[in-house]
Amino acid sequence: MSRFSGLGFKALPSILIYSIFQTALPEEILFRGFLLKRLASRLPFRVANTLQAALFGLLHGLMFASQTSWLTSMLIILFTGGIAAYLGFVNEKKSDGSILSSWGTHALANIFAGLCSAFMLI
């Protein structure tokens, strides 16, 4: 259960702050801004991007492992890892290494999830 469950519009300011600054920004700085850049300086980009995406997916899957089945955890790992690989590609190959595009995309996904929870849609 989310901290925003059932709160409706009252949760909007908290959802925005949490989604943009407390989760999306630090995760993008760590995974795409720091880790991917360090790995890519030593490894081929595809390998570096796959590694950062796998770690990102594992982190998200492990967060839900105690609350979901192993199959659901695996799907979370694959889904979030796939998105992380895409975001890494976009940052490095389409956004000149900037994390702004992935930060915005990540924040929007988190805002959407927060709103779904606030209005009991999930």
PDB file of N, CA and C in Angstrom:
ATOM      1  N   MET A   1       0.844  -1.180   0.000  1.00  0.00           N
ATOM      2  CA  MET A   1       0.000   0.000   0.000  1.00  0.00           C
ATOM      3  C   MET A   1       0.890   1.245   0.000  1.00  0.00           C
ATOM      4  N   SER A   2       0.525   2.209  -0.794  1.00  0.00           N
ATOM      5  CA  SER A   2       1.294   3.437  -0.937  1.00  0.00           C
ATOM      6  C   SER A   2       0.928   4.449   0.137  1.00  0.00           C
ATOM      7  N   ARG A   3       1.867   5.311   0.420  1.00  0.00           N
ATOM      8  CA  ARG A   3       1.607   6.390   1.383  1.00  0.00           C
ATOM      9  C   ARG A   3       0.535   7.350   0.884  1.00  0.00           C
ATOM     10  N   PHE A   4       0.206   7.296  -0.410  1.00  0.00           N
ATOM     11  CA  PHE A   4      -0.776   8.203  -0.994  1.00  0.00           C
ATOM     12  C   PHE A   4      -2.152   7.566  -1.177  1.00  0.00           C
ATOM     13  N   SER A   5      -2.306   6.313  -0.804  1.00  0.00           N
ATOM     14  CA  SER A   5      -3.536   5.561  -1.068  1.00  0.00           C
ATOM     15  C   SER A   5      -4.782   6.263  -0.556  1.00  0.00           C
ATOM     16  N   GLY A   6      -5.690   6.525  -1.482  1.00  0.00           N
ATOM     17  CA  GLY A   6      -6.993   7.059  -1.139  1.00  0.00           C
ATOM     18  C   GLY A   6      -7.032   8.522  -0.748  1.00  0.00           C
ATOM     19  N   LEU A   7      -5.946   9.251  -0.867  1.00  0.00           N
ATOM     20  CA  LEU A   7      -5.926  10.647  -0.422  1.00  0.00           C
ATOM     21  C   LEU A   7      -6.452  11.631  -1.457  1.00  0.00           C
ATOM     22  N   GLY A   8      -6.603  11.197  -2.691  1.00  0.00           N
ATOM     23  CA  GLY A   8      -7.120  12.072  -3.736  1.00  0.00           C
ATOM     24  C   GLY A   8      -6.226  13.279  -3.974  1.00  0.00           C
ATOM     25  N   PHE A   9      -6.867  14.418  -4.294  1.00  0.00           N
ATOM     26  CA  PHE A   9      -6.120  15.628  -4.626  1.00  0.00           C
ATOM     27  C   PHE A   9      -5.295  16.170  -3.467  1.00  0.00           C
ATOM     28  N   LYS A  10      -5.651  15.824  -2.238  1.00  0.00           N
ATOM     29  CA  LYS A  10      -4.862  16.283  -1.085  1.00  0.00           C
ATOM     30  C   LYS A  10      -3.420  15.798  -1.176  1.00  0.00           C
ATOM     31  N   ALA A  11      -3.203  14.706  -1.858  1.00  0.00           N
ATOM     32  CA  ALA A  11      -1.861  14.129  -1.955  1.00  0.00           C
ATOM     33  C   ALA A  11      -1.009  14.759  -3.055  1.00  0.00           C
ATOM     34  N   LEU A  12      -1.606  15.584  -3.909  1.00  0.00           N
ATOM     35  CA  LEU A  12      -0.883  16.085  -5.080  1.00  0.00           C
ATOM     36  C   LEU A  12       0.437  16.787  -4.752  1.00  0.00           C
ATOM     37  N   PRO A  13       0.483  17.746  -3.825  1.00  0.00           N
ATOM     38  CA  PRO A  13       1.787  18.369  -3.536  1.00  0.00           C
ATOM     39  C   PRO A  13       2.838  17.355  -3.072  1.00  0.00           C
ATOM     40  N   SER A  14       2.433  16.441  -2.216  1.00  0.00           N
ATOM     41  CA  SER A  14       3.373  15.419  -1.736  1.00  0.00           C
ATOM     42  C   SER A  14       3.816  14.499  -2.863  1.00  0.00           C
ATOM     43  N   ILE A  15       2.888  14.125  -3.726  1.00  0.00           N
ATOM     44  CA  ILE A  15       3.226  13.266  -4.866  1.00  0.00           C
ATOM     45  C   ILE A  15       4.250  13.953  -5.757  1.00  0.00           C
ATOM     46  N   LEU A  16       4.044  15.232  -6.032  1.00  0.00           N
ATOM     47  CA  LEU A  16       4.969  15.957  -6.901  1.00  0.00           C
ATOM     48  C   LEU A  16       6.372  16.039  -6.300  1.00  0.00           C
ATOM     49  N   ILE A  17       6.456  16.424  -5.037  1.00  0.00           N
ATOM     50  CA  ILE A  17       7.770  16.536  -4.383  1.00  0.00           C
ATOM     51  C   ILE A  17       8.450  15.177  -4.314  1.00  0.00           C
ATOM     52  N   TYR A  18       7.709  14.179  -3.860  1.00  0.00           N
ATOM     53  CA  TYR A  18       8.267  12.833  -3.723  1.00  0.00           C
ATOM     54  C   TYR A  18       8.719  12.285  -5.078  1.00  0.00           C
ATOM     55  N   SER A  19       7.864  12.421  -6.085  1.00  0.00           N
ATOM     56  CA  SER A  19       8.151  11.838  -7.397  1.00  0.00           C
ATOM     57  C   SER A  19       9.306  12.521  -8.112  1.00  0.00           C
ATOM     58  N   ILE A  20       9.353  13.836  -8.033  1.00  0.00           N
ATOM     59  CA  ILE A  20      10.354  14.590  -8.786  1.00  0.00           C
ATOM     60  C   ILE A  20      11.698  14.635  -8.068  1.00  0.00           C
ATOM     61  N   PHE A  21      11.661  14.950  -6.774  1.00  0.00           N
ATOM     62  CA  PHE A  21      12.911  15.225  -6.064  1.00  0.00           C
ATOM     63  C   PHE A  21      13.403  14.110  -5.145  1.00  0.00           C
ATOM     64  N   GLN A  22      12.503  13.328  -4.582  1.00  0.00           N
ATOM     65  CA  GLN A  22      12.945  12.304  -3.637  1.00  0.00           C
ATOM     66  C   GLN A  22      13.225  10.954  -4.278  1.00  0.00           C
ATOM     67  N   THR A  23      12.658  10.694  -5.430  1.00  0.00           N
ATOM     68  CA  THR A  23      12.932   9.408  -6.080  1.00  0.00           C
ATOM     69  C   THR A  23      13.584   9.585  -7.445  1.00  0.00           C
ATOM     70  N   ALA A  24      12.930  10.267  -8.370  1.00  0.00           N
ATOM     71  CA  ALA A  24      13.447  10.347  -9.740  1.00  0.00           C
ATOM     72  C   ALA A  24      14.823  11.008  -9.808  1.00  0.00           C
ATOM     73  N   LEU A  25      14.994  12.148  -9.175  1.00  0.00           N
ATOM     74  CA  LEU A  25      16.275  12.852  -9.282  1.00  0.00           C
ATOM     75  C   LEU A  25      17.438  12.058  -8.692  1.00  0.00           C
ATOM     76  N   PRO A  26      17.354  11.585  -7.441  1.00  0.00           N
ATOM     77  CA  PRO A  26      18.503  10.831  -6.923  1.00  0.00           C
ATOM     78  C   PRO A  26      18.778   9.534  -7.694  1.00  0.00           C
ATOM     79  N   GLU A  27      17.730   8.853  -8.142  1.00  0.00           N
ATOM     80  CA  GLU A  27      17.948   7.624  -8.909  1.00  0.00           C
ATOM     81  C   GLU A  27      18.610   7.919 -10.248  1.00  0.00           C
ATOM     82  N   GLU A  28      18.195   8.980 -10.908  1.00  0.00           N
ATOM     83  CA  GLU A  28      18.811   9.332 -12.190  1.00  0.00           C
ATOM     84  C   GLU A  28      20.255   9.780 -12.003  1.00  0.00           C
ATOM     85  N   ILE A  29      20.514  10.549 -10.957  1.00  0.00           N
ATOM     86  CA  ILE A  29      21.899  10.956 -10.687  1.00  0.00           C
ATOM     87  C   ILE A  29      22.761   9.724 -10.437  1.00  0.00           C
ATOM     88  N   LEU A  30      22.279   8.803  -9.622  1.00  0.00           N
ATOM     89  CA  LEU A  30      23.065   7.619  -9.284  1.00  0.00           C
ATOM     90  C   LEU A  30      23.240   6.671 -10.473  1.00  0.00           C
ATOM     91  N   PHE A  31      22.136   6.265 -11.090  1.00  0.00           N
ATOM     92  CA  PHE A  31      22.216   5.216 -12.106  1.00  0.00           C
ATOM     93  C   PHE A  31      22.661   5.718 -13.477  1.00  0.00           C
ATOM     94  N   ARG A  32      22.058   6.778 -13.985  1.00  0.00           N
ATOM     95  CA  ARG A  32      22.430   7.266 -15.311  1.00  0.00           C
ATOM     96  C   ARG A  32      23.514   8.340 -15.248  1.00  0.00           C
ATOM     97  N   GLY A  33      23.493   9.186 -14.227  1.00  0.00           N
ATOM     98  CA  GLY A  33      24.485  10.251 -14.137  1.00  0.00           C
ATOM     99  C   GLY A  33      25.839   9.787 -13.644  1.00  0.00           C
ATOM    100  N   PHE A  34      25.878   8.879 -12.685  1.00  0.00           N
ATOM    101  CA  PHE A  34      27.144   8.422 -12.117  1.00  0.00           C
ATOM    102  C   PHE A  34      27.539   7.041 -12.644  1.00  0.00           C
ATOM    103  N   LEU A  35      26.726   6.043 -12.335  1.00  0.00           N
ATOM    104  CA  LEU A  35      27.098   4.660 -12.627  1.00  0.00           C
ATOM    105  C   LEU A  35      27.297   4.407 -14.122  1.00  0.00           C
ATOM    106  N   LEU A  36      26.333   4.796 -14.935  1.00  0.00           N
ATOM    107  CA  LEU A  36      26.455   4.547 -16.376  1.00  0.00           C
ATOM    108  C   LEU A  36      27.680   5.249 -16.952  1.00  0.00           C
ATOM    109  N   LYS A  37      27.896   6.483 -16.560  1.00  0.00           N
ATOM    110  CA  LYS A  37      29.043   7.215 -17.099  1.00  0.00           C
ATOM    111  C   LYS A  37      30.367   6.574 -16.681  1.00  0.00           C
ATOM    112  N   ARG A  38      30.461   6.101 -15.441  1.00  0.00           N
ATOM    113  CA  ARG A  38      31.696   5.453 -14.987  1.00  0.00           C
ATOM    114  C   ARG A  38      31.909   4.123 -15.712  1.00  0.00           C
ATOM    115  N   LEU A  39      30.848   3.348 -15.818  1.00  0.00           N
ATOM    116  CA  LEU A  39      30.967   2.060 -16.511  1.00  0.00           C
ATOM    117  C   LEU A  39      31.294   2.251 -17.990  1.00  0.00           C
ATOM    118  N   ALA A  40      30.636   3.233 -18.621  1.00  0.00           N
ATOM    119  CA  ALA A  40      30.840   3.463 -20.057  1.00  0.00           C
ATOM    120  C   ALA A  40      32.241   3.986 -20.365  1.00  0.00           C
ATOM    121  N   SER A  41      32.908   4.547 -19.366  1.00  0.00           N
ATOM    122  CA  SER A  41      34.282   5.003 -19.603  1.00  0.00           C
ATOM    123  C   SER A  41      35.262   3.826 -19.607  1.00  0.00           C
ATOM    124  N   ARG A  42      34.806   2.663 -19.116  1.00  0.00           N
ATOM    125  CA  ARG A  42      35.686   1.498 -19.024  1.00  0.00           C
ATOM    126  C   ARG A  42      35.219   0.307 -19.873  1.00  0.00           C
ATOM    127  N   LEU A  43      33.949   0.317 -20.243  1.00  0.00           N
ATOM    128  CA  LEU A  43      33.350  -0.812 -20.962  1.00  0.00           C
ATOM    129  C   LEU A  43      32.635  -0.308 -22.205  1.00  0.00           C
ATOM    130  N   PRO A  44      32.354  -1.193 -23.157  1.00  0.00           N
ATOM    131  CA  PRO A  44      31.512  -0.790 -24.288  1.00  0.00           C
ATOM    132  C   PRO A  44      30.149  -0.300 -23.776  1.00  0.00           C
ATOM    133  N   PHE A  45      29.576   0.677 -24.475  1.00  0.00           N
ATOM    134  CA  PHE A  45      28.331   1.285 -23.998  1.00  0.00           C
ATOM    135  C   PHE A  45      27.234   0.255 -23.748  1.00  0.00           C
ATOM    136  N   ARG A  46      27.050  -0.689 -24.650  1.00  0.00           N
ATOM    137  CA  ARG A  46      25.974  -1.682 -24.465  1.00  0.00           C
ATOM    138  C   ARG A  46      26.144  -2.471 -23.172  1.00  0.00           C
ATOM    139  N   VAL A  47      27.350  -2.839 -22.850  1.00  0.00           N
ATOM    140  CA  VAL A  47      27.622  -3.580 -21.616  1.00  0.00           C
ATOM    141  C   VAL A  47      27.361  -2.686 -20.409  1.00  0.00           C
ATOM    142  N   ALA A  48      27.875  -1.464 -20.453  1.00  0.00           N
ATOM    143  CA  ALA A  48      27.688  -0.520 -19.350  1.00  0.00           C
ATOM    144  C   ALA A  48      26.209  -0.227 -19.126  1.00  0.00           C
ATOM    145  N   ASN A  49      25.484  -0.007 -20.204  1.00  0.00           N
ATOM    146  CA  ASN A  49      24.062   0.306 -20.094  1.00  0.00           C
ATOM    147  C   ASN A  49      23.283  -0.891 -19.556  1.00  0.00           C
ATOM    148  N   THR A  50      23.634  -2.080 -20.009  1.00  0.00           N
ATOM    149  CA  THR A  50      22.972  -3.290 -19.515  1.00  0.00           C
ATOM    150  C   THR A  50      23.229  -3.479 -18.024  1.00  0.00           C
ATOM    151  N   LEU A  51      24.442  -3.225 -17.575  1.00  0.00           N
ATOM    152  CA  LEU A  51      24.769  -3.372 -16.150  1.00  0.00           C
ATOM    153  C   LEU A  51      23.997  -2.381 -15.286  1.00  0.00           C
ATOM    154  N   GLN A  52      23.969  -1.099 -15.685  1.00  0.00           N
ATOM    155  CA  GLN A  52      23.234  -0.128 -14.871  1.00  0.00           C
ATOM    156  C   GLN A  52      21.749  -0.443 -14.872  1.00  0.00           C
ATOM    157  N   ALA A  53      21.226  -0.909 -16.001  1.00  0.00           N
ATOM    158  CA  ALA A  53      19.807  -1.250 -16.091  1.00  0.00           C
ATOM    159  C   ALA A  53      19.477  -2.465 -15.226  1.00  0.00           C
ATOM    160  N   ALA A  54      20.362  -3.453 -15.233  1.00  0.00           N
ATOM    161  CA  ALA A  54      20.149  -4.647 -14.407  1.00  0.00           C
ATOM    162  C   ALA A  54      20.150  -4.290 -12.923  1.00  0.00           C
ATOM    163  N   LEU A  55      21.075  -3.449 -12.510  1.00  0.00           N
ATOM    164  CA  LEU A  55      21.114  -3.020 -11.101  1.00  0.00           C
ATOM    165  C   LEU A  55      19.873  -2.222 -10.725  1.00  0.00           C
ATOM    166  N   PHE A  56      19.433  -1.346 -11.629  1.00  0.00           N
ATOM    167  CA  PHE A  56      18.223  -0.558 -11.396  1.00  0.00           C
ATOM    168  C   PHE A  56      17.016  -1.481 -11.257  1.00  0.00           C
ATOM    169  N   GLY A  57      16.890  -2.435 -12.167  1.00  0.00           N
ATOM    170  CA  GLY A  57      15.783  -3.385 -12.111  1.00  0.00           C
ATOM    171  C   GLY A  57      15.810  -4.223 -10.850  1.00  0.00           C
ATOM    172  N   LEU A  58      16.995  -4.719 -10.480  1.00  0.00           N
ATOM    173  CA  LEU A  58      17.124  -5.519  -9.253  1.00  0.00           C
ATOM    174  C   LEU A  58      16.727  -4.720  -8.016  1.00  0.00           C
ATOM    175  N   LEU A  59      17.168  -3.487  -7.944  1.00  0.00           N
ATOM    176  CA  LEU A  59      16.810  -2.638  -6.806  1.00  0.00           C
ATOM    177  C   LEU A  59      15.297  -2.513  -6.683  1.00  0.00           C
ATOM    178  N   HIS A  60      14.630  -2.254  -7.798  1.00  0.00           N
ATOM    179  CA  HIS A  60      13.175  -2.096  -7.762  1.00  0.00           C
ATOM    180  C   HIS A  60      12.465  -3.416  -7.485  1.00  0.00           C
ATOM    181  N   GLY A  61      12.967  -4.504  -8.036  1.00  0.00           N
ATOM    182  CA  GLY A  61      12.368  -5.810  -7.767  1.00  0.00           C
ATOM    183  C   GLY A  61      12.516  -6.226  -6.320  1.00  0.00           C
ATOM    184  N   LEU A  62      13.691  -5.969  -5.748  1.00  0.00           N
ATOM    185  CA  LEU A  62      13.926  -6.331  -4.348  1.00  0.00           C
ATOM    186  C   LEU A  62      13.067  -5.513  -3.387  1.00  0.00           C
ATOM    187  N   MET A  63      12.758  -4.273  -3.768  1.00  0.00           N
ATOM    188  CA  MET A  63      11.903  -3.439  -2.910  1.00  0.00           C
ATOM    189  C   MET A  63      10.524  -4.068  -2.719  1.00  0.00           C
ATOM    190  N   PHE A  64      10.058  -4.790  -3.728  1.00  0.00           N
ATOM    191  CA  PHE A  64       8.716  -5.371  -3.676  1.00  0.00           C
ATOM    192  C   PHE A  64       8.720  -6.873  -3.409  1.00  0.00           C
ATOM    193  N   ALA A  65       9.887  -7.469  -3.275  1.00  0.00           N
ATOM    194  CA  ALA A  65       9.999  -8.927  -3.148  1.00  0.00           C
ATOM    195  C   ALA A  65       9.231  -9.480  -1.955  1.00  0.00           C
ATOM    196  N   SER A  66       9.224  -8.783  -0.846  1.00  0.00           N
ATOM    197  CA  SER A  66       8.533  -9.293   0.346  1.00  0.00           C
ATOM    198  C   SER A  66       7.024  -9.092   0.267  1.00  0.00           C
ATOM    199  N   GLN A  67       6.564  -8.274  -0.681  1.00  0.00           N
ATOM    200  CA  GLN A  67       5.138  -7.962  -0.790  1.00  0.00           C
ATOM    201  C   GLN A  67       4.457  -8.654  -1.960  1.00  0.00           C
ATOM    202  N   THR A  68       5.255  -9.278  -2.837  1.00  0.00           N
ATOM    203  CA  THR A  68       4.687  -9.873  -4.046  1.00  0.00           C
ATOM    204  C   THR A  68       5.234 -11.284  -4.246  1.00  0.00           C
ATOM    205  N   SER A  69       4.688 -11.962  -5.226  1.00  0.00           N
ATOM    206  CA  SER A  69       5.192 -13.294  -5.577  1.00  0.00           C
ATOM    207  C   SER A  69       6.527 -13.156  -6.306  1.00  0.00           C
ATOM    208  N   TRP A  70       7.237 -14.260  -6.435  1.00  0.00           N
ATOM    209  CA  TRP A  70       8.518 -14.223  -7.140  1.00  0.00           C
ATOM    210  C   TRP A  70       8.312 -13.843  -8.602  1.00  0.00           C
ATOM    211  N   LEU A  71       7.192 -14.279  -9.192  1.00  0.00           N
ATOM    212  CA  LEU A  71       6.917 -13.952 -10.589  1.00  0.00           C
ATOM    213  C   LEU A  71       6.698 -12.450 -10.761  1.00  0.00           C
ATOM    214  N   THR A  72       5.926 -11.863  -9.863  1.00  0.00           N
ATOM    215  CA  THR A  72       5.694 -10.420  -9.925  1.00  0.00           C
ATOM    216  C   THR A  72       7.004  -9.666  -9.737  1.00  0.00           C
ATOM    217  N   SER A  73       7.825 -10.113  -8.802  1.00  0.00           N
ATOM    218  CA  SER A  73       9.134  -9.476  -8.590  1.00  0.00           C
ATOM    219  C   SER A  73       9.994  -9.556  -9.845  1.00  0.00           C
ATOM    220  N   MET A  74       9.980 -10.702 -10.508  1.00  0.00           N
ATOM    221  CA  MET A  74      10.752 -10.857 -11.745  1.00  0.00           C
ATOM    222  C   MET A  74      10.235  -9.927 -12.841  1.00  0.00           C
ATOM    223  N   LEU A  75       8.918  -9.796 -12.933  1.00  0.00           N
ATOM    224  CA  LEU A  75       8.343  -8.885 -13.929  1.00  0.00           C
ATOM    225  C   LEU A  75       8.724  -7.440 -13.634  1.00  0.00           C
ATOM    226  N   ILE A  76       8.732  -7.072 -12.365  1.00  0.00           N
ATOM    227  CA  ILE A  76       9.149  -5.720 -11.975  1.00  0.00           C
ATOM    228  C   ILE A  76      10.608  -5.499 -12.359  1.00  0.00           C
ATOM    229  N   ILE A  77      11.457  -6.485 -12.089  1.00  0.00           N
ATOM    230  CA  ILE A  77      12.878  -6.380 -12.441  1.00  0.00           C
ATOM    231  C   ILE A  77      13.042  -6.193 -13.947  1.00  0.00           C
ATOM    232  N   LEU A  78      12.354  -7.013 -14.731  1.00  0.00           N
ATOM    233  CA  LEU A  78      12.473  -6.927 -16.189  1.00  0.00           C
ATOM    234  C   LEU A  78      11.897  -5.623 -16.731  1.00  0.00           C
ATOM    235  N   PHE A  79      10.744  -5.213 -16.215  1.00  0.00           N
ATOM    236  CA  PHE A  79      10.090  -3.993 -16.699  1.00  0.00           C
ATOM    237  C   PHE A  79      10.928  -2.760 -16.372  1.00  0.00           C
ATOM    238  N   THR A  80      11.304  -2.612 -15.095  1.00  0.00           N
ATOM    239  CA  THR A  80      12.074  -1.423 -14.711  1.00  0.00           C
ATOM    240  C   THR A  80      13.486  -1.464 -15.303  1.00  0.00           C
ATOM    241  N   GLY A  81      14.052  -2.650 -15.416  1.00  0.00           N
ATOM    242  CA  GLY A  81      15.362  -2.771 -16.053  1.00  0.00           C
ATOM    243  C   GLY A  81      15.315  -2.389 -17.521  1.00  0.00           C
ATOM    244  N   GLY A  82      14.255  -2.801 -18.206  1.00  0.00           N
ATOM    245  CA  GLY A  82      14.094  -2.428 -19.614  1.00  0.00           C
ATOM    246  C   GLY A  82      13.939  -0.929 -19.797  1.00  0.00           C
ATOM    247  N   ILE A  83      13.158  -0.320 -18.932  1.00  0.00           N
ATOM    248  CA  ILE A  83      12.999   1.136 -18.992  1.00  0.00           C
ATOM    249  C   ILE A  83      14.335   1.820 -18.707  1.00  0.00           C
ATOM    250  N   ALA A  84      15.073   1.307 -17.726  1.00  0.00           N
ATOM    251  CA  ALA A  84      16.378   1.887 -17.385  1.00  0.00           C
ATOM    252  C   ALA A  84      17.348   1.802 -18.562  1.00  0.00           C
ATOM    253  N   ALA A  85      17.325   0.697 -19.283  1.00  0.00           N
ATOM    254  CA  ALA A  85      18.192   0.557 -20.460  1.00  0.00           C
ATOM    255  C   ALA A  85      17.810   1.580 -21.527  1.00  0.00           C
ATOM    256  N   TYR A  86      16.515   1.754 -21.731  1.00  0.00           N
ATOM    257  CA  TYR A  86      16.044   2.745 -22.700  1.00  0.00           C
ATOM    258  C   TYR A  86      16.460   4.157 -22.276  1.00  0.00           C
ATOM    259  N   LEU A  87      16.266   4.477 -20.992  1.00  0.00           N
ATOM    260  CA  LEU A  87      16.627   5.811 -20.509  1.00  0.00           C
ATOM    261  C   LEU A  87      18.130   6.053 -20.623  1.00  0.00           C
ATOM    262  N   GLY A  88      18.923   5.037 -20.339  1.00  0.00           N
ATOM    263  CA  GLY A  88      20.369   5.171 -20.503  1.00  0.00           C
ATOM    264  C   GLY A  88      20.749   5.447 -21.947  1.00  0.00           C
ATOM    265  N   PHE A  89      20.100   4.744 -22.871  1.00  0.00           N
ATOM    266  CA  PHE A  89      20.348   4.962 -24.296  1.00  0.00           C
ATOM    267  C   PHE A  89      19.970   6.381 -24.699  1.00  0.00           C
ATOM    268  N   VAL A  90      18.784   6.816 -24.288  1.00  0.00           N
ATOM    269  CA  VAL A  90      18.322   8.162 -24.645  1.00  0.00           C
ATOM    270  C   VAL A  90      19.276   9.218 -24.095  1.00  0.00           C
ATOM    271  N   ASN A  91      19.660   9.083 -22.832  1.00  0.00           N
ATOM    272  CA  ASN A  91      20.578  10.064 -22.238  1.00  0.00           C
ATOM    273  C   ASN A  91      21.877  10.179 -23.019  1.00  0.00           C
ATOM    274  N   GLU A  92      22.497   9.045 -23.260  1.00  0.00           N
ATOM    275  CA  GLU A  92      23.838   9.055 -23.843  1.00  0.00           C
ATOM    276  C   GLU A  92      23.851   9.264 -25.353  1.00  0.00           C
ATOM    277  N   LYS A  93      22.852   8.761 -26.046  1.00  0.00           N
ATOM    278  CA  LYS A  93      22.887   8.793 -27.511  1.00  0.00           C
ATOM    279  C   LYS A  93      21.999   9.872 -28.130  1.00  0.00           C
ATOM    280  N   LYS A  94      21.002  10.342 -27.390  1.00  0.00           N
ATOM    281  CA  LYS A  94      20.070  11.321 -27.952  1.00  0.00           C
ATOM    282  C   LYS A  94      20.048  12.649 -27.198  1.00  0.00           C
ATOM    283  N   SER A  95      20.571  12.674 -25.971  1.00  0.00           N
ATOM    284  CA  SER A  95      20.510  13.888 -25.141  1.00  0.00           C
ATOM    285  C   SER A  95      21.898  14.383 -24.752  1.00  0.00           C
ATOM    286  N   ASP A  96      22.900  14.015 -25.512  1.00  0.00           N
ATOM    287  CA  ASP A  96      24.278  14.469 -25.276  1.00  0.00           C
ATOM    288  C   ASP A  96      24.766  14.221 -23.856  1.00  0.00           C
ATOM    289  N   GLY A  97      24.350  13.124 -23.244  1.00  0.00           N
ATOM    290  CA  GLY A  97      24.813  12.763 -21.912  1.00  0.00           C
ATOM    291  C   GLY A  97      24.054  13.402 -20.768  1.00  0.00           C
ATOM    292  N   SER A  98      23.065  14.224 -21.065  1.00  0.00           N
ATOM    293  CA  SER A  98      22.285  14.896 -20.021  1.00  0.00           C
ATOM    294  C   SER A  98      21.268  13.936 -19.408  1.00  0.00           C
ATOM    295  N   ILE A  99      21.054  14.048 -18.095  1.00  0.00           N
ATOM    296  CA  ILE A  99      20.041  13.219 -17.439  1.00  0.00           C
ATOM    297  C   ILE A  99      18.674  13.904 -17.399  1.00  0.00           C
ATOM    298  N   LEU A 100      18.545  15.089 -17.975  1.00  0.00           N
ATOM    299  CA  LEU A 100      17.270  15.810 -17.902  1.00  0.00           C
ATOM    300  C   LEU A 100      16.120  15.026 -18.522  1.00  0.00           C
ATOM    301  N   SER A 101      16.351  14.398 -19.664  1.00  0.00           N
ATOM    302  CA  SER A 101      15.262  13.658 -20.316  1.00  0.00           C
ATOM    303  C   SER A 101      14.832  12.461 -19.475  1.00  0.00           C
ATOM    304  N   SER A 102      15.790  11.725 -18.912  1.00  0.00           N
ATOM    305  CA  SER A 102      15.411  10.569 -18.089  1.00  0.00           C
ATOM    306  C   SER A 102      14.810  11.012 -16.761  1.00  0.00           C
ATOM    307  N   TRP A 103      15.283  12.115 -16.209  1.00  0.00           N
ATOM    308  CA  TRP A 103      14.703  12.636 -14.973  1.00  0.00           C
ATOM    309  C   TRP A 103      13.235  12.994 -15.201  1.00  0.00           C
ATOM    310  N   GLY A 104      12.953  13.694 -16.293  1.00  0.00           N
ATOM    311  CA  GLY A 104      11.571  14.066 -16.597  1.00  0.00           C
ATOM    312  C   GLY A 104      10.683  12.856 -16.835  1.00  0.00           C
ATOM    313  N   THR A 105      11.176  11.898 -17.604  1.00  0.00           N
ATOM    314  CA  THR A 105      10.407  10.681 -17.877  1.00  0.00           C
ATOM    315  C   THR A 105      10.157   9.888 -16.603  1.00  0.00           C
ATOM    316  N   HIS A 106      11.197   9.733 -15.794  1.00  0.00           N
ATOM    317  CA  HIS A 106      11.107   8.994 -14.535  1.00  0.00           C
ATOM    318  C   HIS A 106      10.128   9.689 -13.583  1.00  0.00           C
ATOM    319  N   ALA A 107      10.232  11.011 -13.492  1.00  0.00           N
ATOM    320  CA  ALA A 107       9.330  11.767 -12.616  1.00  0.00           C
ATOM    321  C   ALA A 107       7.880  11.613 -13.064  1.00  0.00           C
ATOM    322  N   LEU A 108       7.625  11.693 -14.364  1.00  0.00           N
ATOM    323  CA  LEU A 108       6.254  11.538 -14.867  1.00  0.00           C
ATOM    324  C   LEU A 108       5.695  10.154 -14.553  1.00  0.00           C
ATOM    325  N   ALA A 109       6.510   9.128 -14.695  1.00  0.00           N
ATOM    326  CA  ALA A 109       6.058   7.771 -14.368  1.00  0.00           C
ATOM    327  C   ALA A 109       5.721   7.659 -12.886  1.00  0.00           C
ATOM    328  N   ASN A 110       6.556   8.243 -12.033  1.00  0.00           N
ATOM    329  CA  ASN A 110       6.293   8.202 -10.594  1.00  0.00           C
ATOM    330  C   ASN A 110       5.063   9.022 -10.220  1.00  0.00           C
ATOM    331  N   ILE A 111       4.874  10.172 -10.869  1.00  0.00           N
ATOM    332  CA  ILE A 111       3.681  10.992 -10.620  1.00  0.00           C
ATOM    333  C   ILE A 111       2.434  10.209 -11.009  1.00  0.00           C
ATOM    334  N   PHE A 112       2.478   9.565 -12.162  1.00  0.00           N
ATOM    335  CA  PHE A 112       1.340   8.756 -12.611  1.00  0.00           C
ATOM    336  C   PHE A 112       1.016   7.663 -11.596  1.00  0.00           C
ATOM    337  N   ALA A 113       2.040   6.953 -11.134  1.00  0.00           N
ATOM    338  CA  ALA A 113       1.824   5.889 -10.140  1.00  0.00           C
ATOM    339  C   ALA A 113       1.267   6.463  -8.845  1.00  0.00           C
ATOM    340  N   GLY A 114       1.782   7.606  -8.414  1.00  0.00           N
ATOM    341  CA  GLY A 114       1.286   8.243  -7.198  1.00  0.00           C
ATOM    342  C   GLY A 114      -0.168   8.662  -7.324  1.00  0.00           C
ATOM    343  N   LEU A 115      -0.535   9.216  -8.475  1.00  0.00           N
ATOM    344  CA  LEU A 115      -1.930   9.616  -8.697  1.00  0.00           C
ATOM    345  C   LEU A 115      -2.854   8.405  -8.758  1.00  0.00           C
ATOM    346  N   CYS A 116      -2.399   7.344  -9.395  1.00  0.00           N
ATOM    347  CA  CYS A 116      -3.203   6.113  -9.428  1.00  0.00           C
ATOM    348  C   CYS A 116      -3.462   5.613  -8.016  1.00  0.00           C
ATOM    349  N   SER A 117      -2.469   5.678  -7.176  1.00  0.00           N
ATOM    350  CA  SER A 117      -2.624   5.255  -5.787  1.00  0.00           C
ATOM    351  C   SER A 117      -3.540   6.209  -5.021  1.00  0.00           C
ATOM    352  N   ALA A 118      -3.343   7.505  -5.214  1.00  0.00           N
ATOM    353  CA  ALA A 118      -4.148   8.500  -4.496  1.00  0.00           C
ATOM    354  C   ALA A 118      -5.630   8.362  -4.820  1.00  0.00           C
ATOM    355  N   PHE A 119      -5.935   7.972  -6.045  1.00  0.00           N
ATOM    356  CA  PHE A 119      -7.328   7.824  -6.457  1.00  0.00           C
ATOM    357  C   PHE A 119      -7.767   6.363  -6.496  1.00  0.00           C
ATOM    358  N   MET A 120      -6.969   5.499  -5.835  1.00  0.00           N
ATOM    359  CA  MET A 120      -7.302   4.081  -5.678  1.00  0.00           C
ATOM    360  C   MET A 120      -7.540   3.382  -7.017  1.00  0.00           C
ATOM    361  N   LEU A 121      -6.740   3.725  -8.009  1.00  0.00           N
ATOM    362  CA  LEU A 121      -6.846   3.082  -9.318  1.00  0.00           C
ATOM    363  C   LEU A 121      -5.957   1.855  -9.414  1.00  0.00           C
ATOM    364  N   ILE A 122      -5.049   1.704  -8.446  1.00  0.00           N
ATOM    365  CA  ILE A 122      -4.197   0.510  -8.390  1.00  0.00           C
ATOM    366  C   ILE A 122      -4.210  -0.052  -6.991  1.00  0.00           C
TER     367      ILE A 122
END
